[in-house]
Amino acid sequence: MGQWTYDLCGCFENCSLCLLTWLAPCVTAGHNAEDTGQGSFVACCLVFPFAGWWFTAQSRKKTREMRGIDGSFGQDLLLACFLPWCTMVQIARELKEPPAQQPIQRS
């Protein structure tokens, strides 16, 4: 199984996404939910204050499944509860940003 392309604490590498998530977390969570097929943007924004942790955990679980990343739903749930902003940014980056190019090794 694979690993996350972007670190959980690497949210400051994309400052605009980090700022958006900090100021309006329902926007990032809504886009993540839509991108993973876990719900609609509007529905997520409406229930985010009450169940944002659930949408975030479900989006992380689905992202792991789509990308073949190791982990468990229990871990996803803990991260969604205790590091929600970092978790939402990690999911968004994994879904939308291309992986960094590795330098070509020449012999």
PDB file of N, CA and C in Angstrom:
ATOM      1  N   MET A   1       0.850  -1.189   0.000  1.00  0.00           N
ATOM      2  CA  MET A   1       0.000   0.000   0.000  1.00  0.00           C
ATOM      3  C   MET A   1       0.889   1.244   0.000  1.00  0.00           C
ATOM      4  N   GLY A   2       0.292   2.353  -0.378  1.00  0.00           N
ATOM      5  CA  GLY A   2       1.039   3.584  -0.548  1.00  0.00           C
ATOM      6  C   GLY A   2       1.060   4.487   0.672  1.00  0.00           C
ATOM      7  N   GLN A   3       1.647   5.618   0.486  1.00  0.00           N
ATOM      8  CA  GLN A   3       1.775   6.641   1.519  1.00  0.00           C
ATOM      9  C   GLN A   3       1.144   7.937   1.004  1.00  0.00           C
ATOM     10  N   TRP A   4       0.862   8.849   1.919  1.00  0.00           N
ATOM     11  CA  TRP A   4       0.355  10.167   1.545  1.00  0.00           C
ATOM     12  C   TRP A   4       1.455  10.914   0.802  1.00  0.00           C
ATOM     13  N   THR A   5       1.076  11.611  -0.259  1.00  0.00           N
ATOM     14  CA  THR A   5       2.026  12.417  -1.015  1.00  0.00           C
ATOM     15  C   THR A   5       2.415  13.649  -0.210  1.00  0.00           C
ATOM     16  N   TYR A   6       1.460  14.194   0.531  1.00  0.00           N
ATOM     17  CA  TYR A   6       1.675  15.427   1.292  1.00  0.00           C
ATOM     18  C   TYR A   6       1.556  15.131   2.784  1.00  0.00           C
ATOM     19  N   ASP A   7       2.499  15.651   3.568  1.00  0.00           N
ATOM     20  CA  ASP A   7       2.498  15.429   5.010  1.00  0.00           C
ATOM     21  C   ASP A   7       1.311  16.101   5.680  1.00  0.00           C
ATOM     22  N   LEU A   8       0.907  15.536   6.797  1.00  0.00           N
ATOM     23  CA  LEU A   8      -0.199  16.092   7.568  1.00  0.00           C
ATOM     24  C   LEU A   8       0.124  17.516   8.035  1.00  0.00           C
ATOM     25  N   CYS A   9       1.353  17.752   8.431  1.00  0.00           N
ATOM     26  CA  CYS A   9       1.741  19.082   8.924  1.00  0.00           C
ATOM     27  C   CYS A   9       2.379  19.927   7.830  1.00  0.00           C
ATOM     28  N   GLY A  10       2.164  19.561   6.570  1.00  0.00           N
ATOM     29  CA  GLY A  10       2.711  20.329   5.464  1.00  0.00           C
ATOM     30  C   GLY A  10       1.727  21.325   4.896  1.00  0.00           C
ATOM     31  N   CYS A  11       0.733  21.692   5.711  1.00  0.00           N
ATOM     32  CA  CYS A  11      -0.325  22.564   5.190  1.00  0.00           C
ATOM     33  C   CYS A  11       0.182  23.954   4.816  1.00  0.00           C
ATOM     34  N   PHE A  12       1.295  24.400   5.409  1.00  0.00           N
ATOM     35  CA  PHE A  12       1.788  25.741   5.107  1.00  0.00           C
ATOM     36  C   PHE A  12       2.510  25.805   3.765  1.00  0.00           C
ATOM     37  N   GLU A  13       2.683  24.650   3.110  1.00  0.00           N
ATOM     38  CA  GLU A  13       3.298  24.640   1.788  1.00  0.00           C
ATOM     39  C   GLU A  13       2.337  25.182   0.730  1.00  0.00           C
ATOM     40  N   ASN A  14       1.056  25.213   1.030  1.00  0.00           N
ATOM     41  CA  ASN A  14       0.045  25.817   0.153  1.00  0.00           C
ATOM     42  C   ASN A  14      -0.682  26.863   1.009  1.00  0.00           C
ATOM     43  N   CYS A  15      -0.116  28.055   1.068  1.00  0.00           N
ATOM     44  CA  CYS A  15      -0.617  29.088   1.983  1.00  0.00           C
ATOM     45  C   CYS A  15      -2.051  29.513   1.685  1.00  0.00           C
ATOM     46  N   SER A  16      -2.430  29.603   0.415  1.00  0.00           N
ATOM     47  CA  SER A  16      -3.790  30.046   0.103  1.00  0.00           C
ATOM     48  C   SER A  16      -4.816  29.010   0.573  1.00  0.00           C
ATOM     49  N   LEU A  17      -4.546  27.732   0.366  1.00  0.00           N
ATOM     50  CA  LEU A  17      -5.451  26.686   0.836  1.00  0.00           C
ATOM     51  C   LEU A  17      -5.487  26.651   2.361  1.00  0.00           C
ATOM     52  N   CYS A  18      -4.333  26.838   2.975  1.00  0.00           N
ATOM     53  CA  CYS A  18      -4.256  26.856   4.442  1.00  0.00           C
ATOM     54  C   CYS A  18      -5.087  28.007   5.009  1.00  0.00           C
ATOM     55  N   LEU A  19      -4.960  29.178   4.424  1.00  0.00           N
ATOM     56  CA  LEU A  19      -5.706  30.348   4.883  1.00  0.00           C
ATOM     57  C   LEU A  19      -7.208  30.168   4.665  1.00  0.00           C
ATOM     58  N   LEU A  20      -7.592  29.651   3.501  1.00  0.00           N
ATOM     59  CA  LEU A  20      -9.002  29.397   3.222  1.00  0.00           C
ATOM     60  C   LEU A  20      -9.577  28.414   4.243  1.00  0.00           C
ATOM     61  N   THR A  21      -8.839  27.354   4.532  1.00  0.00           N
ATOM     62  CA  THR A  21      -9.312  26.341   5.475  1.00  0.00           C
ATOM     63  C   THR A  21      -9.418  26.912   6.880  1.00  0.00           C
ATOM     64  N   TRP A  22      -8.493  27.764   7.262  1.00  0.00           N
ATOM     65  CA  TRP A  22      -8.536  28.368   8.590  1.00  0.00           C
ATOM     66  C   TRP A  22      -9.727  29.319   8.725  1.00  0.00           C
ATOM     67  N   LEU A  23      -9.988  30.118   7.691  1.00  0.00           N
ATOM     68  CA  LEU A  23     -11.058  31.116   7.762  1.00  0.00           C
ATOM     69  C   LEU A  23     -12.446  30.539   7.465  1.00  0.00           C
ATOM     70  N   ALA A  24     -12.516  29.569   6.561  1.00  0.00           N
ATOM     71  CA  ALA A  24     -13.809  28.987   6.166  1.00  0.00           C
ATOM     72  C   ALA A  24     -13.645  27.475   5.971  1.00  0.00           C
ATOM     73  N   PRO A  25     -13.488  26.742   7.063  1.00  0.00           N
ATOM     74  CA  PRO A  25     -13.230  25.304   6.941  1.00  0.00           C
ATOM     75  C   PRO A  25     -14.335  24.545   6.210  1.00  0.00           C
ATOM     76  N   CYS A  26     -15.554  25.049   6.272  1.00  0.00           N
ATOM     77  CA  CYS A  26     -16.649  24.356   5.586  1.00  0.00           C
ATOM     78  C   CYS A  26     -16.451  24.349   4.078  1.00  0.00           C
ATOM     79  N   VAL A  27     -15.769  25.344   3.529  1.00  0.00           N
ATOM     80  CA  VAL A  27     -15.520  25.386   2.091  1.00  0.00           C
ATOM     81  C   VAL A  27     -14.587  24.245   1.680  1.00  0.00           C
ATOM     82  N   THR A  28     -13.477  24.109   2.388  1.00  0.00           N
ATOM     83  CA  THR A  28     -12.532  23.030   2.077  1.00  0.00           C
ATOM     84  C   THR A  28     -13.171  21.671   2.318  1.00  0.00           C
ATOM     85  N   ALA A  29     -13.869  21.521   3.439  1.00  0.00           N
ATOM     86  CA  ALA A  29     -14.528  20.244   3.746  1.00  0.00           C
ATOM     87  C   ALA A  29     -15.584  19.917   2.692  1.00  0.00           C
ATOM     88  N   GLY A  30     -16.321  20.922   2.235  1.00  0.00           N
ATOM     89  CA  GLY A  30     -17.336  20.705   1.210  1.00  0.00           C
ATOM     90  C   GLY A  30     -16.745  20.261  -0.112  1.00  0.00           C
ATOM     91  N   HIS A  31     -15.648  20.902  -0.517  1.00  0.00           N
ATOM     92  CA  HIS A  31     -14.984  20.493  -1.755  1.00  0.00           C
ATOM     93  C   HIS A  31     -14.419  19.078  -1.620  1.00  0.00           C
ATOM     94  N   ASN A  32     -13.842  18.770  -0.459  1.00  0.00           N
ATOM     95  CA  ASN A  32     -13.308  17.421  -0.240  1.00  0.00           C
ATOM     96  C   ASN A  32     -14.423  16.372  -0.310  1.00  0.00           C
ATOM     97  N   ALA A  33     -15.562  16.687   0.302  1.00  0.00           N
ATOM     98  CA  ALA A  33     -16.696  15.754   0.289  1.00  0.00           C
ATOM     99  C   ALA A  33     -17.179  15.515  -1.142  1.00  0.00           C
ATOM    100  N   GLU A  34     -17.276  16.580  -1.922  1.00  0.00           N
ATOM    101  CA  GLU A  34     -17.700  16.432  -3.323  1.00  0.00           C
ATOM    102  C   GLU A  34     -16.681  15.644  -4.137  1.00  0.00           C
ATOM    103  N   ASP A  35     -15.403  15.964  -3.956  1.00  0.00           N
ATOM    104  CA  ASP A  35     -14.351  15.314  -4.743  1.00  0.00           C
ATOM    105  C   ASP A  35     -14.218  13.826  -4.444  1.00  0.00           C
ATOM    106  N   THR A  36     -14.652  13.404  -3.262  1.00  0.00           N
ATOM    107  CA  THR A  36     -14.570  11.985  -2.900  1.00  0.00           C
ATOM    108  C   THR A  36     -15.917  11.282  -3.010  1.00  0.00           C
ATOM    109  N   GLY A  37     -16.952  12.019  -3.411  1.00  0.00           N
ATOM    110  CA  GLY A  37     -18.275  11.424  -3.552  1.00  0.00           C
ATOM    111  C   GLY A  37     -18.959  11.153  -2.218  1.00  0.00           C
ATOM    112  N   GLN A  38     -18.563  11.879  -1.183  1.00  0.00           N
ATOM    113  CA  GLN A  38     -19.121  11.670   0.151  1.00  0.00           C
ATOM    114  C   GLN A  38     -20.261  12.614   0.480  1.00  0.00           C
ATOM    115  N   GLY A  39     -20.663  13.432  -0.452  1.00  0.00           N
ATOM    116  CA  GLY A  39     -21.755  14.370  -0.218  1.00  0.00           C
ATOM    117  C   GLY A  39     -21.600  15.588  -1.098  1.00  0.00           C
ATOM    118  N   SER A  40     -22.542  16.494  -0.979  1.00  0.00           N
ATOM    119  CA  SER A  40     -22.479  17.709  -1.783  1.00  0.00           C
ATOM    120  C   SER A  40     -21.831  18.829  -0.995  1.00  0.00           C
ATOM    121  N   PHE A  41     -21.330  19.793  -1.726  1.00  0.00           N
ATOM    122  CA  PHE A  41     -20.688  20.953  -1.120  1.00  0.00           C
ATOM    123  C   PHE A  41     -21.661  21.683  -0.186  1.00  0.00           C
ATOM    124  N   VAL A  42     -22.870  21.925  -0.676  1.00  0.00           N
ATOM    125  CA  VAL A  42     -23.869  22.666   0.109  1.00  0.00           C
ATOM    126  C   VAL A  42     -24.259  21.906   1.370  1.00  0.00           C
ATOM    127  N   ALA A  43     -24.517  20.616   1.242  1.00  0.00           N
ATOM    128  CA  ALA A  43     -24.899  19.814   2.414  1.00  0.00           C
ATOM    129  C   ALA A  43     -23.797  19.812   3.461  1.00  0.00           C
ATOM    130  N   CYS A  44     -22.568  19.668   3.005  1.00  0.00           N
ATOM    131  CA  CYS A  44     -21.450  19.660   3.951  1.00  0.00           C
ATOM    132  C   CYS A  44     -21.339  21.010   4.661  1.00  0.00           C
ATOM    133  N   CYS A  45     -21.485  22.101   3.919  1.00  0.00           N
ATOM    134  CA  CYS A  45     -21.400  23.432   4.535  1.00  0.00           C
ATOM    135  C   CYS A  45     -22.519  23.657   5.555  1.00  0.00           C
ATOM    136  N   LEU A  46     -23.704  23.119   5.271  1.00  0.00           N
ATOM    137  CA  LEU A  46     -24.837  23.308   6.188  1.00  0.00           C
ATOM    138  C   LEU A  46     -24.666  22.538   7.501  1.00  0.00           C
ATOM    139  N   VAL A  47     -24.103  21.343   7.419  1.00  0.00           N
ATOM    140  CA  VAL A  47     -23.975  20.529   8.640  1.00  0.00           C
ATOM    141  C   VAL A  47     -22.574  20.577   9.242  1.00  0.00           C
ATOM    142  N   PHE A  48     -21.647  21.310   8.604  1.00  0.00           N
ATOM    143  CA  PHE A  48     -20.262  21.339   9.086  1.00  0.00           C
ATOM    144  C   PHE A  48     -20.133  21.711  10.566  1.00  0.00           C
ATOM    145  N   PRO A  49     -20.867  22.716  11.037  1.00  0.00           N
ATOM    146  CA  PRO A  49     -20.713  23.061  12.464  1.00  0.00           C
ATOM    147  C   PRO A  49     -21.077  21.916  13.411  1.00  0.00           C
ATOM    148  N   PHE A  50     -21.904  21.004  12.951  1.00  0.00           N
ATOM    149  CA  PHE A  50     -22.361  19.912  13.824  1.00  0.00           C
ATOM    150  C   PHE A  50     -21.635  18.598  13.557  1.00  0.00           C
ATOM    151  N   ALA A  51     -21.270  18.353  12.302  1.00  0.00           N
ATOM    152  CA  ALA A  51     -20.679  17.053  11.958  1.00  0.00           C
ATOM    153  C   ALA A  51     -19.521  17.188  10.977  1.00  0.00           C
ATOM    154  N   GLY A  52     -18.796  18.287  11.037  1.00  0.00           N
ATOM    155  CA  GLY A  52     -17.651  18.473  10.153  1.00  0.00           C
ATOM    156  C   GLY A  52     -16.603  17.407  10.326  1.00  0.00           C
ATOM    157  N   TRP A  53     -16.430  16.958  11.561  1.00  0.00           N
ATOM    158  CA  TRP A  53     -15.456  15.898  11.850  1.00  0.00           C
ATOM    159  C   TRP A  53     -15.816  14.617  11.094  1.00  0.00           C
ATOM    160  N   TRP A  54     -17.123  14.332  10.960  1.00  0.00           N
ATOM    161  CA  TRP A  54     -17.561  13.116  10.273  1.00  0.00           C
ATOM    162  C   TRP A  54     -17.282  13.213   8.769  1.00  0.00           C
ATOM    163  N   PHE A  55     -17.630  14.369   8.163  1.00  0.00           N
ATOM    164  CA  PHE A  55     -17.358  14.561   6.741  1.00  0.00           C
ATOM    165  C   PHE A  55     -15.856  14.481   6.473  1.00  0.00           C
ATOM    166  N   THR A  56     -15.055  15.065   7.352  1.00  0.00           N
ATOM    167  CA  THR A  56     -13.609  15.052   7.171  1.00  0.00           C
ATOM    168  C   THR A  56     -13.059  13.634   7.268  1.00  0.00           C
ATOM    169  N   ALA A  57     -13.503  12.881   8.251  1.00  0.00           N
ATOM    170  CA  ALA A  57     -13.043  11.495   8.409  1.00  0.00           C
ATOM    171  C   ALA A  57     -13.464  10.643   7.215  1.00  0.00           C
ATOM    172  N   GLN A  58     -14.689  10.818   6.753  1.00  0.00           N
ATOM    173  CA  GLN A  58     -15.171  10.049   5.598  1.00  0.00           C
ATOM    174  C   GLN A  58     -14.396  10.420   4.329  1.00  0.00           C
ATOM    175  N   SER A  59     -14.104  11.698   4.167  1.00  0.00           N
ATOM    176  CA  SER A  59     -13.344  12.138   2.995  1.00  0.00           C
ATOM    177  C   SER A  59     -11.923  11.585   3.030  1.00  0.00           C
ATOM    178  N   ARG A  60     -11.333  11.553   4.213  1.00  0.00           N
ATOM    179  CA  ARG A  60      -9.975  11.008   4.344  1.00  0.00           C
ATOM    180  C   ARG A  60      -9.967   9.512   4.049  1.00  0.00           C
ATOM    181  N   LYS A  61     -10.969   8.813   4.562  1.00  0.00           N
ATOM    182  CA  LYS A  61     -11.083   7.373   4.307  1.00  0.00           C
ATOM    183  C   LYS A  61     -11.209   7.104   2.807  1.00  0.00           C
ATOM    184  N   LYS A  62     -12.080   7.844   2.141  1.00  0.00           N
ATOM    185  CA  LYS A  62     -12.299   7.641   0.709  1.00  0.00           C
ATOM    186  C   LYS A  62     -11.046   8.009  -0.091  1.00  0.00           C
ATOM    187  N   THR A  63     -10.344   9.058   0.316  1.00  0.00           N
ATOM    188  CA  THR A  63      -9.103   9.448  -0.359  1.00  0.00           C
ATOM    189  C   THR A  63      -8.070   8.334  -0.236  1.00  0.00           C
ATOM    190  N   ARG A  64      -7.962   7.754   0.966  1.00  0.00           N
ATOM    191  CA  ARG A  64      -7.037   6.628   1.160  1.00  0.00           C
ATOM    192  C   ARG A  64      -7.392   5.473   0.246  1.00  0.00           C
ATOM    193  N   GLU A  65      -8.674   5.161   0.148  1.00  0.00           N
ATOM    194  CA  GLU A  65      -9.118   4.059  -0.707  1.00  0.00           C
ATOM    195  C   GLU A  65      -8.820   4.357  -2.179  1.00  0.00           C
ATOM    196  N   MET A  66      -9.073   5.578  -2.613  1.00  0.00           N
ATOM    197  CA  MET A  66      -8.851   5.957  -4.007  1.00  0.00           C
ATOM    198  C   MET A  66      -7.367   5.926  -4.376  1.00  0.00           C
ATOM    199  N   ARG A  67      -6.507   6.276  -3.441  1.00  0.00           N
ATOM    200  CA  ARG A  67      -5.067   6.372  -3.698  1.00  0.00           C
ATOM    201  C   ARG A  67      -4.273   5.151  -3.217  1.00  0.00           C
ATOM    202  N   GLY A  68      -4.948   4.183  -2.575  1.00  0.00           N
ATOM    203  CA  GLY A  68      -4.250   3.003  -2.075  1.00  0.00           C
ATOM    204  C   GLY A  68      -3.298   3.319  -0.946  1.00  0.00           C
ATOM    205  N   ILE A  69      -3.720   4.186  -0.032  1.00  0.00           N
ATOM    206  CA  ILE A  69      -2.877   4.631   1.085  1.00  0.00           C
ATOM    207  C   ILE A  69      -3.209   3.820   2.330  1.00  0.00           C
ATOM    208  N   ASP A  70      -2.176   3.433   3.061  1.00  0.00           N
ATOM    209  CA  ASP A  70      -2.349   2.694   4.311  1.00  0.00           C
ATOM    210  C   ASP A  70      -3.078   3.543   5.345  1.00  0.00           C
ATOM    211  N   GLY A  71      -3.767   2.888   6.266  1.00  0.00           N
ATOM    212  CA  GLY A  71      -4.425   3.580   7.370  1.00  0.00           C
ATOM    213  C   GLY A  71      -5.704   2.887   7.771  1.00  0.00           C
ATOM    214  N   SER A  72      -6.376   3.492   8.748  1.00  0.00           N
ATOM    215  CA  SER A  72      -7.635   2.933   9.240  1.00  0.00           C
ATOM    216  C   SER A  72      -8.631   4.070   9.459  1.00  0.00           C
ATOM    217  N   PHE A  73      -9.907   3.707   9.502  1.00  0.00           N
ATOM    218  CA  PHE A  73     -10.923   4.725   9.742  1.00  0.00           C
ATOM    219  C   PHE A  73     -10.785   5.312  11.151  1.00  0.00           C
ATOM    220  N   GLY A  74     -10.353   4.513  12.106  1.00  0.00           N
ATOM    221  CA  GLY A  74     -10.133   5.019  13.461  1.00  0.00           C
ATOM    222  C   GLY A  74      -9.098   6.134  13.471  1.00  0.00           C
ATOM    223  N   GLN A  75      -8.028   5.943  12.732  1.00  0.00           N
ATOM    224  CA  GLN A  75      -6.995   6.980  12.615  1.00  0.00           C
ATOM    225  C   GLN A  75      -7.566   8.216  11.919  1.00  0.00           C
ATOM    226  N   ASP A  76      -8.343   7.995  10.859  1.00  0.00           N
ATOM    227  CA  ASP A  76      -8.959   9.114  10.143  1.00  0.00           C
ATOM    228  C   ASP A  76      -9.859   9.924  11.076  1.00  0.00           C
ATOM    229  N   LEU A  77     -10.621   9.225  11.890  1.00  0.00           N
ATOM    230  CA  LEU A  77     -11.542   9.874  12.824  1.00  0.00           C
ATOM    231  C   LEU A  77     -10.787  10.677  13.884  1.00  0.00           C
ATOM    232  N   LEU A  78      -9.723  10.109  14.428  1.00  0.00           N
ATOM    233  CA  LEU A  78      -8.919  10.832  15.429  1.00  0.00           C
ATOM    234  C   LEU A  78      -8.301  12.091  14.829  1.00  0.00           C
ATOM    235  N   LEU A  79      -7.755  11.973  13.632  1.00  0.00           N
ATOM    236  CA  LEU A  79      -7.152  13.149  12.989  1.00  0.00           C
ATOM    237  C   LEU A  79      -8.205  14.206  12.685  1.00  0.00           C
ATOM    238  N   ALA A  80      -9.381  13.783  12.253  1.00  0.00           N
ATOM    239  CA  ALA A  80     -10.461  14.731  11.958  1.00  0.00           C
ATOM    240  C   ALA A  80     -10.924  15.464  13.211  1.00  0.00           C
ATOM    241  N   CYS A  81     -10.861  14.797  14.357  1.00  0.00           N
ATOM    242  CA  CYS A  81     -11.299  15.412  15.614  1.00  0.00           C
ATOM    243  C   CYS A  81     -10.231  16.315  16.233  1.00  0.00           C
ATOM    244  N   PHE A  82      -8.967  15.902  16.154  1.00  0.00           N
ATOM    245  CA  PHE A  82      -7.922  16.623  16.881  1.00  0.00           C
ATOM    246  C   PHE A  82      -7.032  17.510  16.007  1.00  0.00           C
ATOM    247  N   LEU A  83      -6.965  17.245  14.717  1.00  0.00           N
ATOM    248  CA  LEU A  83      -6.203  18.090  13.790  1.00  0.00           C
ATOM    249  C   LEU A  83      -7.040  18.352  12.538  1.00  0.00           C
ATOM    250  N   PRO A  84      -8.224  18.927  12.702  1.00  0.00           N
ATOM    251  CA  PRO A  84      -9.146  19.033  11.558  1.00  0.00           C
ATOM    252  C   PRO A  84      -8.625  19.882  10.407  1.00  0.00           C
ATOM    253  N   TRP A  85      -8.001  21.024  10.681  1.00  0.00           N
ATOM    254  CA  TRP A  85      -7.549  21.895   9.605  1.00  0.00           C
ATOM    255  C   TRP A  85      -6.416  21.236   8.820  1.00  0.00           C
ATOM    256  N   CYS A  86      -5.470  20.657   9.520  1.00  0.00           N
ATOM    257  CA  CYS A  86      -4.360  19.963   8.841  1.00  0.00           C
ATOM    258  C   CYS A  86      -4.878  18.798   8.014  1.00  0.00           C
ATOM    259  N   THR A  87      -5.843  18.077   8.557  1.00  0.00           N
ATOM    260  CA  THR A  87      -6.408  16.925   7.858  1.00  0.00           C
ATOM    261  C   THR A  87      -7.140  17.354   6.595  1.00  0.00           C
ATOM    262  N   MET A  88      -7.934  18.408   6.677  1.00  0.00           N
ATOM    263  CA  MET A  88      -8.671  18.886   5.503  1.00  0.00           C
ATOM    264  C   MET A  88      -7.724  19.367   4.410  1.00  0.00           C
ATOM    265  N   VAL A  89      -6.656  20.065   4.795  1.00  0.00           N
ATOM    266  CA  VAL A  89      -5.691  20.549   3.809  1.00  0.00           C
ATOM    267  C   VAL A  89      -4.962  19.369   3.172  1.00  0.00           C
ATOM    268  N   GLN A  90      -4.573  18.381   3.965  1.00  0.00           N
ATOM    269  CA  GLN A  90      -3.892  17.211   3.417  1.00  0.00           C
ATOM    270  C   GLN A  90      -4.767  16.500   2.381  1.00  0.00           C
ATOM    271  N   ILE A  91      -6.035  16.323   2.701  1.00  0.00           N
ATOM    272  CA  ILE A  91      -6.964  15.671   1.768  1.00  0.00           C
ATOM    273  C   ILE A  91      -7.079  16.490   0.479  1.00  0.00           C
ATOM    274  N   ALA A  92      -7.295  17.791   0.622  1.00  0.00           N
ATOM    275  CA  ALA A  92      -7.464  18.656  -0.553  1.00  0.00           C
ATOM    276  C   ALA A  92      -6.223  18.628  -1.436  1.00  0.00           C
ATOM    277  N   ARG A  93      -5.059  18.681  -0.827  1.00  0.00           N
ATOM    278  CA  ARG A  93      -3.818  18.650  -1.602  1.00  0.00           C
ATOM    279  C   ARG A  93      -3.647  17.310  -2.297  1.00  0.00           C
ATOM    280  N   GLU A  94      -3.958  16.245  -1.618  1.00  0.00           N
ATOM    281  CA  GLU A  94      -3.825  14.901  -2.199  1.00  0.00           C
ATOM    282  C   GLU A  94      -4.744  14.751  -3.411  1.00  0.00           C
ATOM    283  N   LEU A  95      -5.932  15.338  -3.338  1.00  0.00           N
ATOM    284  CA  LEU A  95      -6.903  15.210  -4.414  1.00  0.00           C
ATOM    285  C   LEU A  95      -6.649  16.146  -5.590  1.00  0.00           C
ATOM    286  N   LYS A  96      -6.089  17.330  -5.337  1.00  0.00           N
ATOM    287  CA  LYS A  96      -6.018  18.350  -6.375  1.00  0.00           C
ATOM    288  C   LYS A  96      -4.626  18.676  -6.899  1.00  0.00           C
ATOM    289  N   GLU A  97      -3.605  18.542  -6.073  1.00  0.00           N
ATOM    290  CA  GLU A  97      -2.266  18.948  -6.494  1.00  0.00           C
ATOM    291  C   GLU A  97      -1.507  17.765  -7.084  1.00  0.00           C
ATOM    292  N   PRO A  98      -0.809  17.988  -8.186  1.00  0.00           N
ATOM    293  CA  PRO A  98       0.008  16.900  -8.721  1.00  0.00           C
ATOM    294  C   PRO A  98       1.189  16.640  -7.793  1.00  0.00           C
ATOM    295  N   PRO A  99       1.644  15.401  -7.711  1.00  0.00           N
ATOM    296  CA  PRO A  99       2.800  15.115  -6.864  1.00  0.00           C
ATOM    297  C   PRO A  99       4.028  15.873  -7.348  1.00  0.00           C
ATOM    298  N   ALA A 100       4.902  16.203  -6.424  1.00  0.00           N
ATOM    299  CA  ALA A 100       6.140  16.906  -6.776  1.00  0.00           C
ATOM    300  C   ALA A 100       6.973  16.009  -7.689  1.00  0.00           C
ATOM    301  N   GLN A 101       7.589  16.614  -8.665  1.00  0.00           N
ATOM    302  CA  GLN A 101       8.431  15.868  -9.605  1.00  0.00           C
ATOM    303  C   GLN A 101       9.722  15.451  -8.904  1.00  0.00           C
ATOM    304  N   GLN A 102      10.077  14.201  -9.075  1.00  0.00           N
ATOM    305  CA  GLN A 102      11.340  13.706  -8.557  1.00  0.00           C
ATOM    306  C   GLN A 102      12.409  14.028  -9.594  1.00  0.00           C
ATOM    307  N   PRO A 103      13.601  14.460  -9.157  1.00  0.00           N
ATOM    308  CA  PRO A 103      14.653  14.739 -10.136  1.00  0.00           C
ATOM    309  C   PRO A 103      15.037  13.456 -10.876  1.00  0.00           C
ATOM    310  N   ILE A 104      15.350  13.611 -12.140  1.00  0.00           N
ATOM    311  CA  ILE A 104      15.740  12.477 -12.965  1.00  0.00           C
ATOM    312  C   ILE A 104      17.170  12.096 -12.615  1.00  0.00           C
ATOM    313  N   GLN A 105      17.376  10.822 -12.305  1.00  0.00           N
ATOM    314  CA  GLN A 105      18.704  10.310 -11.980  1.00  0.00           C
ATOM    315  C   GLN A 105      19.382   9.911 -13.298  1.00  0.00           C
ATOM    316  N   ARG A 106      20.525  10.470 -13.548  1.00  0.00           N
ATOM    317  CA  ARG A 106      21.264  10.124 -14.761  1.00  0.00           C
ATOM    318  C   ARG A 106      22.554   9.436 -14.365  1.00  0.00           C
ATOM    319  N   SER A 107      22.871   8.395 -15.113  1.00  0.00           N
ATOM    320  CA  SER A 107      24.109   7.682 -14.805  1.00  0.00           C
ATOM    321  C   SER A 107      25.161   7.951 -15.830  1.00  0.00           C
TER     322      SER A 107
END
